[in-house]
């Protein structure tokens, strides 16, 4: 995705917007890891709504709230902007193996 749109060099984060009004943020460095997927098809067919279609992000190294479903827009940002759960005290980084579930602030 980032290779296709060529974000500006000052981009540091993404904000994903879902059709259900859900948002989640992710650092660009995390988003560009090779195991992060934007899924829009499965078995040659459009991804079904019940599985997050038309597009969903899978972030295997992060807690699941960072993997948005029903994505309608992805915005490249020059600074971090909190998503739905992050605004409610969940971690910005969301590393499960560090027990990084909640914001320590």
C-alpha atoms as a PDB file:
ATOM      1  CA  UNK A   1       0.000   0.000   0.000  1.00  0.00           C
ATOM      2  CA  UNK A   2       2.636   2.555   1.031  1.00  0.00           C
ATOM      3  CA  UNK A   3       4.665   1.722  -2.079  1.00  0.00           C
ATOM      4  CA  UNK A   4       1.664   2.534  -4.277  1.00  0.00           C
ATOM      5  CA  UNK A   5       0.774   5.863  -2.683  1.00  0.00           C
ATOM      6  CA  UNK A   6       4.325   6.987  -1.847  1.00  0.00           C
ATOM      7  CA  UNK A   7       3.739   8.829   1.443  1.00  0.00           C
ATOM      8  CA  UNK A   8       5.664  12.009   2.079  1.00  0.00           C
ATOM      9  CA  UNK A   9       8.977  11.552   3.917  1.00  0.00           C
ATOM     10  CA  UNK A  10       7.576  13.315   6.993  1.00  0.00           C
ATOM     11  CA  UNK A  11       4.800  10.691   7.451  1.00  0.00           C
ATOM     12  CA  UNK A  12       5.190   8.835  10.757  1.00  0.00           C
ATOM     13  CA  UNK A  13       1.792   7.202  11.416  1.00  0.00           C
ATOM     14  CA  UNK A  14      -1.360   5.845   9.810  1.00  0.00           C
ATOM     15  CA  UNK A  15      -4.928   6.306  10.934  1.00  0.00           C
ATOM     16  CA  UNK A  16      -7.405   3.728   9.651  1.00  0.00           C
ATOM     17  CA  UNK A  17     -11.077   4.715   9.422  1.00  0.00           C
ATOM     18  CA  UNK A  18     -13.783   2.061   9.307  1.00  0.00           C
ATOM     19  CA  UNK A  19     -17.265   2.281   7.821  1.00  0.00           C
ATOM     20  CA  UNK A  20     -18.503   1.585  11.359  1.00  0.00           C
ATOM     21  CA  UNK A  21     -16.762   4.831  12.561  1.00  0.00           C
ATOM     22  CA  UNK A  22     -13.975   2.832  14.288  1.00  0.00           C
ATOM     23  CA  UNK A  23     -10.479   4.293  14.036  1.00  0.00           C
ATOM     24  CA  UNK A  24      -7.086   2.950  14.972  1.00  0.00           C
ATOM     25  CA  UNK A  25      -3.603   4.387  14.727  1.00  0.00           C
ATOM     26  CA  UNK A  26      -0.375   2.604  13.936  1.00  0.00           C
ATOM     27  CA  UNK A  27       3.179   3.841  13.562  1.00  0.00           C
ATOM     28  CA  UNK A  28       4.385   3.762   9.972  1.00  0.00           C
ATOM     29  CA  UNK A  29       7.384   1.632  10.962  1.00  0.00           C
ATOM     30  CA  UNK A  30       5.000  -1.049  12.321  1.00  0.00           C
ATOM     31  CA  UNK A  31       2.620  -0.738   9.377  1.00  0.00           C
ATOM     32  CA  UNK A  32       5.425  -1.402   6.891  1.00  0.00           C
ATOM     33  CA  UNK A  33       6.543  -4.671   8.485  1.00  0.00           C
ATOM     34  CA  UNK A  34       6.360  -7.556   5.991  1.00  0.00           C
ATOM     35  CA  UNK A  35       3.763  -9.509   7.975  1.00  0.00           C
ATOM     36  CA  UNK A  36       1.217  -6.661   8.101  1.00  0.00           C
ATOM     37  CA  UNK A  37      -1.510  -7.240   5.551  1.00  0.00           C
ATOM     38  CA  UNK A  38      -4.242  -5.209   3.907  1.00  0.00           C
ATOM     39  CA  UNK A  39      -6.755  -7.866   2.919  1.00  0.00           C
ATOM     40  CA  UNK A  40      -9.400  -7.186   0.298  1.00  0.00           C
ATOM     41  CA  UNK A  41      -9.775 -10.591  -1.378  1.00  0.00           C
ATOM     42  CA  UNK A  42      -9.786 -14.216  -0.288  1.00  0.00           C
ATOM     43  CA  UNK A  43      -9.725 -17.144  -2.677  1.00  0.00           C
ATOM     44  CA  UNK A  44     -10.098 -14.729  -5.587  1.00  0.00           C
ATOM     45  CA  UNK A  45     -13.308 -13.230  -4.186  1.00  0.00           C
ATOM     46  CA  UNK A  46     -13.916  -9.885  -2.425  1.00  0.00           C
ATOM     47  CA  UNK A  47     -13.424 -10.188   1.335  1.00  0.00           C
ATOM     48  CA  UNK A  48     -16.877 -10.789   2.885  1.00  0.00           C
ATOM     49  CA  UNK A  49     -18.276  -8.146   5.232  1.00  0.00           C
ATOM     50  CA  UNK A  50     -18.456 -10.689   8.069  1.00  0.00           C
ATOM     51  CA  UNK A  51     -14.668 -11.034   7.840  1.00  0.00           C
ATOM     52  CA  UNK A  52     -13.944  -7.304   7.663  1.00  0.00           C
ATOM     53  CA  UNK A  53     -14.551  -6.532   3.986  1.00  0.00           C
ATOM     54  CA  UNK A  54     -14.222  -4.532   1.893  1.00  0.00           C
ATOM     55  CA  UNK A  55     -10.742  -4.217   3.435  1.00  0.00           C
ATOM     56  CA  UNK A  56      -9.132  -5.093   6.743  1.00  0.00           C
ATOM     57  CA  UNK A  57      -5.669  -4.690   8.208  1.00  0.00           C
ATOM     58  CA  UNK A  58      -4.019  -7.620   9.947  1.00  0.00           C
ATOM     59  CA  UNK A  59      -1.214  -6.724  12.375  1.00  0.00           C
ATOM     60  CA  UNK A  60       0.096 -10.087  13.681  1.00  0.00           C
ATOM     61  CA  UNK A  61       2.682  -8.614  16.058  1.00  0.00           C
ATOM     62  CA  UNK A  62       0.224  -6.256  17.808  1.00  0.00           C
ATOM     63  CA  UNK A  63      -2.928  -6.570  19.874  1.00  0.00           C
ATOM     64  CA  UNK A  64      -5.989  -7.111  17.699  1.00  0.00           C
ATOM     65  CA  UNK A  65      -7.499  -3.616  18.135  1.00  0.00           C
ATOM     66  CA  UNK A  66      -4.716  -2.324  15.850  1.00  0.00           C
ATOM     67  CA  UNK A  67      -6.073  -4.472  13.009  1.00  0.00           C
ATOM     68  CA  UNK A  68      -9.043  -2.509  11.714  1.00  0.00           C
ATOM     69  CA  UNK A  69     -11.961  -4.074   9.831  1.00  0.00           C
ATOM     70  CA  UNK A  70     -14.291  -2.492   7.269  1.00  0.00           C
ATOM     71  CA  UNK A  71     -11.644   0.074   6.275  1.00  0.00           C
ATOM     72  CA  UNK A  72     -12.882   2.896   4.083  1.00  0.00           C
ATOM     73  CA  UNK A  73      -9.917   5.270   4.425  1.00  0.00           C
ATOM     74  CA  UNK A  74      -6.272   5.214   5.481  1.00  0.00           C
ATOM     75  CA  UNK A  75      -4.660   8.538   6.288  1.00  0.00           C
ATOM     76  CA  UNK A  76      -0.906   9.089   6.476  1.00  0.00           C
ATOM     77  CA  UNK A  77      -0.041  11.471   9.309  1.00  0.00           C
ATOM     78  CA  UNK A  78       3.003  13.522  10.266  1.00  0.00           C
ATOM     79  CA  UNK A  79       2.294  12.921  13.968  1.00  0.00           C
ATOM     80  CA  UNK A  80       0.411  10.410  16.058  1.00  0.00           C
ATOM     81  CA  UNK A  81      -3.357  10.766  16.384  1.00  0.00           C
ATOM     82  CA  UNK A  82      -5.213   8.527  18.816  1.00  0.00           C
ATOM     83  CA  UNK A  83      -7.749   6.026  17.546  1.00  0.00           C
ATOM     84  CA  UNK A  84     -10.938   4.777  19.225  1.00  0.00           C
ATOM     85  CA  UNK A  85      -9.357   2.524  21.880  1.00  0.00           C
ATOM     86  CA  UNK A  86      -6.257   4.666  22.309  1.00  0.00           C
ATOM     87  CA  UNK A  87      -8.502   7.611  23.267  1.00  0.00           C
ATOM     88  CA  UNK A  88      -9.964   5.351  25.966  1.00  0.00           C
ATOM     89  CA  UNK A  89      -6.635   4.488  27.580  1.00  0.00           C
ATOM     90  CA  UNK A  90      -5.378   1.580  25.511  1.00  0.00           C
ATOM     91  CA  UNK A  91      -1.728   1.487  24.468  1.00  0.00           C
ATOM     92  CA  UNK A  92      -0.488   3.246  21.333  1.00  0.00           C
ATOM     93  CA  UNK A  93       2.135   0.590  20.681  1.00  0.00           C
ATOM     94  CA  UNK A  94       0.106  -2.539  21.665  1.00  0.00           C
ATOM     95  CA  UNK A  95       2.881  -5.145  21.918  1.00  0.00           C
ATOM     96  CA  UNK A  96       1.342  -8.315  23.425  1.00  0.00           C
ATOM     97  CA  UNK A  97       4.650  -9.865  24.513  1.00  0.00           C
ATOM     98  CA  UNK A  98       5.412  -6.757  26.599  1.00  0.00           C
ATOM     99  CA  UNK A  99       1.970  -6.831  28.247  1.00  0.00           C
ATOM    100  CA  UNK A 100       1.535  -3.407  26.638  1.00  0.00           C
ATOM    101  CA  UNK A 101      -2.230  -3.226  26.736  1.00  0.00           C
ATOM    102  CA  UNK A 102      -2.953   0.036  28.561  1.00  0.00           C
ATOM    103  CA  UNK A 103      -1.452   3.519  28.413  1.00  0.00           C
ATOM    104  CA  UNK A 104       0.701   4.124  31.485  1.00  0.00           C
ATOM    105  CA  UNK A 105       0.113   7.894  31.476  1.00  0.00           C
END
